[in-house]
Amino acid sequence: MPRSGDVVYLGLAANVQFGGNRGFYFRVIRVHDWTTYEGWMWLDGYQLSQGGEAVERRSVFVQIAGLRPAPQVPACTAPPTGERAPLGSARPLRRGRHERR
């Protein structure tokens, strides 16, 4: 069972809508305790880009047996502008000219 903060891969085994090249990594925010079909669950979380950045918040309906733990969380890198650090980045944000120091 996934927990908040876990990263899992959602592919065909999790739900047919994620088959082919539509699979993606998903960072779990919440596991709902809603009553549903045996072996299925609703998850809230973020779809991650190839670089590990959260690109879209989603609620997904998946088969528990089809969830694949991410072998390694994709590495996050700071964007070239330095204005916004990706989720999970340890680098501090650079201050813009309009901000007080």
N, C-alpha and C. Protein backbone atom coordinates (compact mmCIF):
# COMPACT_ATOMS: atom_id res chain seq x y z
N MET A 1 0.84 -1.18 0.00
CA MET A 1 0.00 0.00 0.00
C MET A 1 0.88 1.25 0.00
N PRO A 2 0.60 2.18 -0.90
CA PRO A 2 1.40 3.40 -0.91
C PRO A 2 1.04 4.30 0.28
N ARG A 3 1.98 5.17 0.61
CA ARG A 3 1.77 6.14 1.68
C ARG A 3 2.08 7.53 1.15
N SER A 4 1.66 8.54 1.86
CA SER A 4 1.95 9.91 1.50
C SER A 4 3.46 10.10 1.33
N GLY A 5 3.87 10.69 0.21
CA GLY A 5 5.29 10.91 -0.07
C GLY A 5 5.92 9.86 -0.96
N ASP A 6 5.30 8.70 -1.09
CA ASP A 6 5.83 7.65 -1.96
C ASP A 6 5.73 8.06 -3.42
N VAL A 7 6.67 7.59 -4.22
CA VAL A 7 6.62 7.79 -5.67
C VAL A 7 6.43 6.42 -6.29
N VAL A 8 5.40 6.31 -7.13
CA VAL A 8 5.08 5.04 -7.80
C VAL A 8 4.99 5.30 -9.30
N TYR A 9 5.17 4.23 -10.07
CA TYR A 9 5.00 4.32 -11.51
C TYR A 9 3.60 3.82 -11.85
N LEU A 10 2.85 4.62 -12.60
CA LEU A 10 1.52 4.23 -13.04
C LEU A 10 1.59 3.90 -14.52
N GLY A 11 1.40 2.64 -14.83
CA GLY A 11 1.39 2.17 -16.21
C GLY A 11 0.16 1.32 -16.46
N LEU A 12 0.21 0.50 -17.49
CA LEU A 12 -0.92 -0.34 -17.89
C LEU A 12 -1.42 -1.22 -16.75
N ALA A 13 -0.51 -1.74 -15.93
CA ALA A 13 -0.92 -2.63 -14.84
C ALA A 13 -1.77 -1.91 -13.80
N ALA A 14 -1.59 -0.59 -13.67
CA ALA A 14 -2.36 0.18 -12.69
C ALA A 14 -3.74 0.55 -13.21
N ASN A 15 -3.83 0.85 -14.51
CA ASN A 15 -5.10 1.21 -15.14
C ASN A 15 -4.86 1.29 -16.65
N VAL A 16 -5.81 0.80 -17.43
CA VAL A 16 -5.62 0.77 -18.88
C VAL A 16 -5.40 2.16 -19.47
N GLN A 17 -5.90 3.20 -18.81
CA GLN A 17 -5.70 4.55 -19.34
C GLN A 17 -4.24 5.00 -19.31
N PHE A 18 -3.38 4.28 -18.55
CA PHE A 18 -1.97 4.64 -18.46
C PHE A 18 -1.10 3.70 -19.29
N GLY A 19 -1.67 2.96 -20.21
CA GLY A 19 -0.92 2.01 -21.03
C GLY A 19 -0.11 2.70 -22.12
N GLY A 20 0.74 1.92 -22.76
CA GLY A 20 1.58 2.45 -23.84
C GLY A 20 2.54 3.48 -23.32
N ASN A 21 2.62 4.61 -24.02
CA ASN A 21 3.54 5.67 -23.60
C ASN A 21 2.86 6.68 -22.68
N ARG A 22 1.72 6.34 -22.12
CA ARG A 22 0.99 7.25 -21.24
C ARG A 22 1.29 7.02 -19.76
N GLY A 23 2.20 6.12 -19.44
CA GLY A 23 2.58 5.89 -18.05
C GLY A 23 3.42 7.04 -17.52
N PHE A 24 3.45 7.19 -16.19
CA PHE A 24 4.21 8.28 -15.59
C PHE A 24 4.48 7.98 -14.12
N TYR A 25 5.43 8.72 -13.55
CA TYR A 25 5.70 8.65 -12.12
C TYR A 25 4.72 9.56 -11.40
N PHE A 26 4.32 9.13 -10.20
CA PHE A 26 3.28 9.81 -9.44
C PHE A 26 3.71 9.90 -7.98
N ARG A 27 3.75 11.13 -7.44
CA ARG A 27 4.07 11.31 -6.01
C ARG A 27 2.75 11.37 -5.24
N VAL A 28 2.58 10.43 -4.33
CA VAL A 28 1.33 10.30 -3.57
C VAL A 28 1.23 11.37 -2.50
N ILE A 29 0.08 12.04 -2.47
CA ILE A 29 -0.22 12.99 -1.40
C ILE A 29 -1.12 12.31 -0.38
N ARG A 30 -2.14 11.60 -0.88
CA ARG A 30 -3.14 11.01 0.00
C ARG A 30 -3.68 9.72 -0.61
N VAL A 31 -3.92 8.76 0.24
CA VAL A 31 -4.61 7.53 -0.14
C VAL A 31 -6.01 7.62 0.45
N HIS A 32 -7.01 7.67 -0.41
CA HIS A 32 -8.39 7.78 0.08
C HIS A 32 -8.87 6.44 0.64
N ASP A 33 -9.70 6.51 1.65
CA ASP A 33 -10.28 5.30 2.24
C ASP A 33 -11.69 5.06 1.71
N TRP A 34 -11.98 5.58 0.52
CA TRP A 34 -13.30 5.42 -0.07
C TRP A 34 -13.57 3.96 -0.41
N THR A 35 -14.81 3.55 -0.23
CA THR A 35 -15.22 2.21 -0.61
C THR A 35 -15.28 2.12 -2.12
N THR A 36 -14.63 1.12 -2.69
CA THR A 36 -14.59 0.96 -4.14
C THR A 36 -14.50 -0.53 -4.45
N TYR A 37 -14.21 -0.87 -5.68
CA TYR A 37 -14.08 -2.27 -6.07
C TYR A 37 -12.91 -2.92 -5.37
N GLU A 38 -13.02 -4.22 -5.13
CA GLU A 38 -11.95 -4.99 -4.49
C GLU A 38 -10.65 -4.85 -5.30
N GLY A 39 -9.58 -4.46 -4.62
CA GLY A 39 -8.27 -4.35 -5.26
C GLY A 39 -8.01 -3.02 -5.95
N TRP A 40 -8.91 -2.08 -5.85
CA TRP A 40 -8.74 -0.76 -6.47
C TRP A 40 -8.73 0.32 -5.38
N MET A 41 -8.13 1.49 -5.69
CA MET A 41 -8.10 2.61 -4.75
C MET A 41 -7.98 3.93 -5.50
N TRP A 42 -8.35 4.99 -4.81
CA TRP A 42 -8.18 6.35 -5.31
C TRP A 42 -6.96 6.97 -4.62
N LEU A 43 -6.11 7.63 -5.41
CA LEU A 43 -4.94 8.34 -4.90
C LEU A 43 -5.00 9.79 -5.34
N ASP A 44 -4.57 10.69 -4.49
CA ASP A 44 -4.34 12.09 -4.85
C ASP A 44 -2.83 12.28 -4.88
N GLY A 45 -2.36 13.08 -5.82
CA GLY A 45 -0.94 13.34 -5.87
C GLY A 45 -0.55 14.17 -7.06
N TYR A 46 0.74 14.13 -7.38
CA TYR A 46 1.28 14.91 -8.49
C TYR A 46 1.89 14.01 -9.54
N GLN A 47 1.54 14.26 -10.79
CA GLN A 47 2.20 13.62 -11.91
C GLN A 47 3.56 14.30 -12.03
N LEU A 48 4.61 13.50 -12.18
CA LEU A 48 5.97 14.03 -12.26
C LEU A 48 6.48 14.02 -13.68
N SER A 49 7.29 15.01 -14.02
CA SER A 49 7.95 15.06 -15.33
C SER A 49 9.12 14.09 -15.32
N GLN A 50 9.78 13.95 -16.46
CA GLN A 50 10.96 13.09 -16.54
C GLN A 50 12.07 13.57 -15.59
N GLY A 51 12.09 14.86 -15.30
CA GLY A 51 13.09 15.43 -14.40
C GLY A 51 12.68 15.38 -12.93
N GLY A 52 11.50 14.83 -12.62
CA GLY A 52 11.06 14.71 -11.24
C GLY A 52 10.27 15.89 -10.72
N GLU A 53 9.94 16.86 -11.59
CA GLU A 53 9.15 18.01 -11.20
C GLU A 53 7.67 17.69 -11.22
N ALA A 54 6.94 18.21 -10.25
CA ALA A 54 5.48 18.07 -10.25
C ALA A 54 4.93 18.94 -11.37
N VAL A 55 4.16 18.32 -12.28
CA VAL A 55 3.63 19.07 -13.41
C VAL A 55 2.11 19.19 -13.37
N GLU A 56 1.45 18.30 -12.66
CA GLU A 56 -0.01 18.35 -12.60
C GLU A 56 -0.51 17.60 -11.37
N ARG A 57 -1.43 18.24 -10.65
CA ARG A 57 -2.06 17.55 -9.53
C ARG A 57 -3.21 16.72 -10.08
N ARG A 58 -3.32 15.48 -9.61
CA ARG A 58 -4.33 14.57 -10.14
C ARG A 58 -4.90 13.68 -9.06
N SER A 59 -6.11 13.19 -9.31
CA SER A 59 -6.70 12.10 -8.54
C SER A 59 -6.80 10.95 -9.52
N VAL A 60 -6.30 9.78 -9.13
CA VAL A 60 -6.27 8.63 -10.04
C VAL A 60 -6.91 7.41 -9.37
N PHE A 61 -7.56 6.60 -10.20
CA PHE A 61 -8.20 5.36 -9.77
C PHE A 61 -7.34 4.23 -10.29
N VAL A 62 -6.75 3.45 -9.39
CA VAL A 62 -5.75 2.46 -9.80
C VAL A 62 -5.95 1.12 -9.11
N GLN A 63 -5.41 0.08 -9.76
CA GLN A 63 -5.37 -1.25 -9.14
C GLN A 63 -4.16 -1.30 -8.21
N ILE A 64 -4.38 -1.72 -7.00
CA ILE A 64 -3.30 -1.78 -6.01
C ILE A 64 -2.18 -2.68 -6.50
N ALA A 65 -2.51 -3.83 -7.07
CA ALA A 65 -1.49 -4.77 -7.54
C ALA A 65 -0.69 -4.22 -8.71
N GLY A 66 -1.20 -3.20 -9.40
CA GLY A 66 -0.51 -2.65 -10.57
C GLY A 66 0.44 -1.50 -10.26
N LEU A 67 0.49 -1.07 -9.00
CA LEU A 67 1.40 0.02 -8.62
C LEU A 67 2.83 -0.50 -8.57
N ARG A 68 3.73 0.22 -9.19
CA ARG A 68 5.15 -0.15 -9.20
C ARG A 68 5.94 0.92 -8.47
N PRO A 69 6.67 0.55 -7.40
CA PRO A 69 7.48 1.56 -6.72
C PRO A 69 8.55 2.10 -7.66
N ALA A 70 8.80 3.38 -7.59
CA ALA A 70 9.85 3.97 -8.41
C ALA A 70 11.19 3.42 -7.94
N PRO A 71 12.02 2.90 -8.85
CA PRO A 71 13.32 2.37 -8.43
C PRO A 71 14.18 3.44 -7.80
N GLN A 72 14.03 4.66 -8.29
CA GLN A 72 14.76 5.79 -7.74
C GLN A 72 13.97 7.03 -8.14
N VAL A 73 13.79 7.95 -7.20
CA VAL A 73 13.06 9.16 -7.52
C VAL A 73 13.85 9.93 -8.55
N PRO A 74 13.22 10.36 -9.67
CA PRO A 74 13.95 11.12 -10.68
C PRO A 74 14.61 12.34 -10.06
N ALA A 75 15.83 12.64 -10.47
CA ALA A 75 16.58 13.76 -9.92
C ALA A 75 15.96 15.08 -10.34
N CYS A 76 15.94 16.03 -9.42
CA CYS A 76 15.44 17.37 -9.72
C CYS A 76 16.64 18.28 -9.92
N THR A 77 16.53 19.15 -10.89
CA THR A 77 17.57 20.13 -11.12
C THR A 77 16.95 21.51 -11.09
N ALA A 78 17.72 22.50 -10.72
CA ALA A 78 17.21 23.87 -10.66
C ALA A 78 16.97 24.38 -12.07
N PRO A 79 15.88 25.13 -12.25
CA PRO A 79 15.62 25.69 -13.57
C PRO A 79 16.67 26.73 -13.92
N PRO A 80 16.93 26.96 -15.20
CA PRO A 80 17.98 27.89 -15.59
C PRO A 80 17.74 29.32 -15.13
N THR A 81 16.49 29.73 -14.95
CA THR A 81 16.21 31.10 -14.53
C THR A 81 16.50 31.32 -13.06
N GLY A 82 16.48 30.26 -12.26
CA GLY A 82 16.71 30.38 -10.83
C GLY A 82 15.55 30.99 -10.08
N GLU A 83 14.43 31.24 -10.78
CA GLU A 83 13.29 31.88 -10.13
C GLU A 83 12.47 30.91 -9.30
N ARG A 84 12.45 29.64 -9.68
CA ARG A 84 11.61 28.68 -8.98
C ARG A 84 12.35 27.36 -8.88
N ALA A 85 12.56 26.88 -7.69
CA ALA A 85 13.20 25.59 -7.51
C ALA A 85 12.16 24.49 -7.61
N PRO A 86 12.49 23.34 -8.22
CA PRO A 86 11.53 22.24 -8.31
C PRO A 86 11.30 21.61 -6.95
N LEU A 87 10.18 20.88 -6.84
CA LEU A 87 9.89 20.17 -5.60
C LEU A 87 11.03 19.23 -5.26
N GLY A 88 11.42 19.20 -4.02
CA GLY A 88 12.46 18.30 -3.58
C GLY A 88 13.86 18.86 -3.75
N SER A 89 13.99 20.07 -4.29
CA SER A 89 15.31 20.65 -4.50
C SER A 89 15.87 21.17 -3.20
N ALA A 90 17.14 20.95 -2.97
CA ALA A 90 17.78 21.44 -1.75
C ALA A 90 18.39 22.81 -1.96
N ARG A 91 18.43 23.28 -3.20
CA ARG A 91 19.04 24.57 -3.49
C ARG A 91 18.11 25.71 -3.08
N PRO A 92 18.68 26.77 -2.46
CA PRO A 92 17.82 27.91 -2.11
C PRO A 92 17.47 28.70 -3.37
N LEU A 93 16.36 29.40 -3.31
CA LEU A 93 15.95 30.24 -4.42
C LEU A 93 16.79 31.52 -4.42
N ARG A 94 17.12 32.01 -5.62
CA ARG A 94 17.80 33.30 -5.72
C ARG A 94 16.74 34.39 -5.60
N ARG A 95 17.09 35.44 -4.95
CA ARG A 95 16.14 36.54 -4.78
C ARG A 95 16.16 37.42 -6.02
N GLY A 96 14.99 37.86 -6.39
CA GLY A 96 14.88 38.79 -7.53
C GLY A 96 15.19 40.20 -7.10
N ARG A 97 15.28 41.11 -8.06
CA ARG A 97 15.60 42.50 -7.75
C ARG A 97 14.49 43.17 -6.93
N HIS A 98 13.25 42.69 -7.10
CA HIS A 98 12.13 43.32 -6.42
C HIS A 98 11.97 42.89 -4.97
N GLU A 99 12.71 41.90 -4.52
CA GLU A 99 12.58 41.40 -3.15
C GLU A 99 13.60 42.05 -2.23
N ARG A 100 13.22 42.23 -0.96
CA ARG A 100 14.15 42.75 0.04
C ARG A 100 15.09 41.67 0.51
N ARG A 101 16.26 42.05 0.87
CA ARG A 101 17.25 41.09 1.36
C ARG A 101 17.35 41.16 2.85
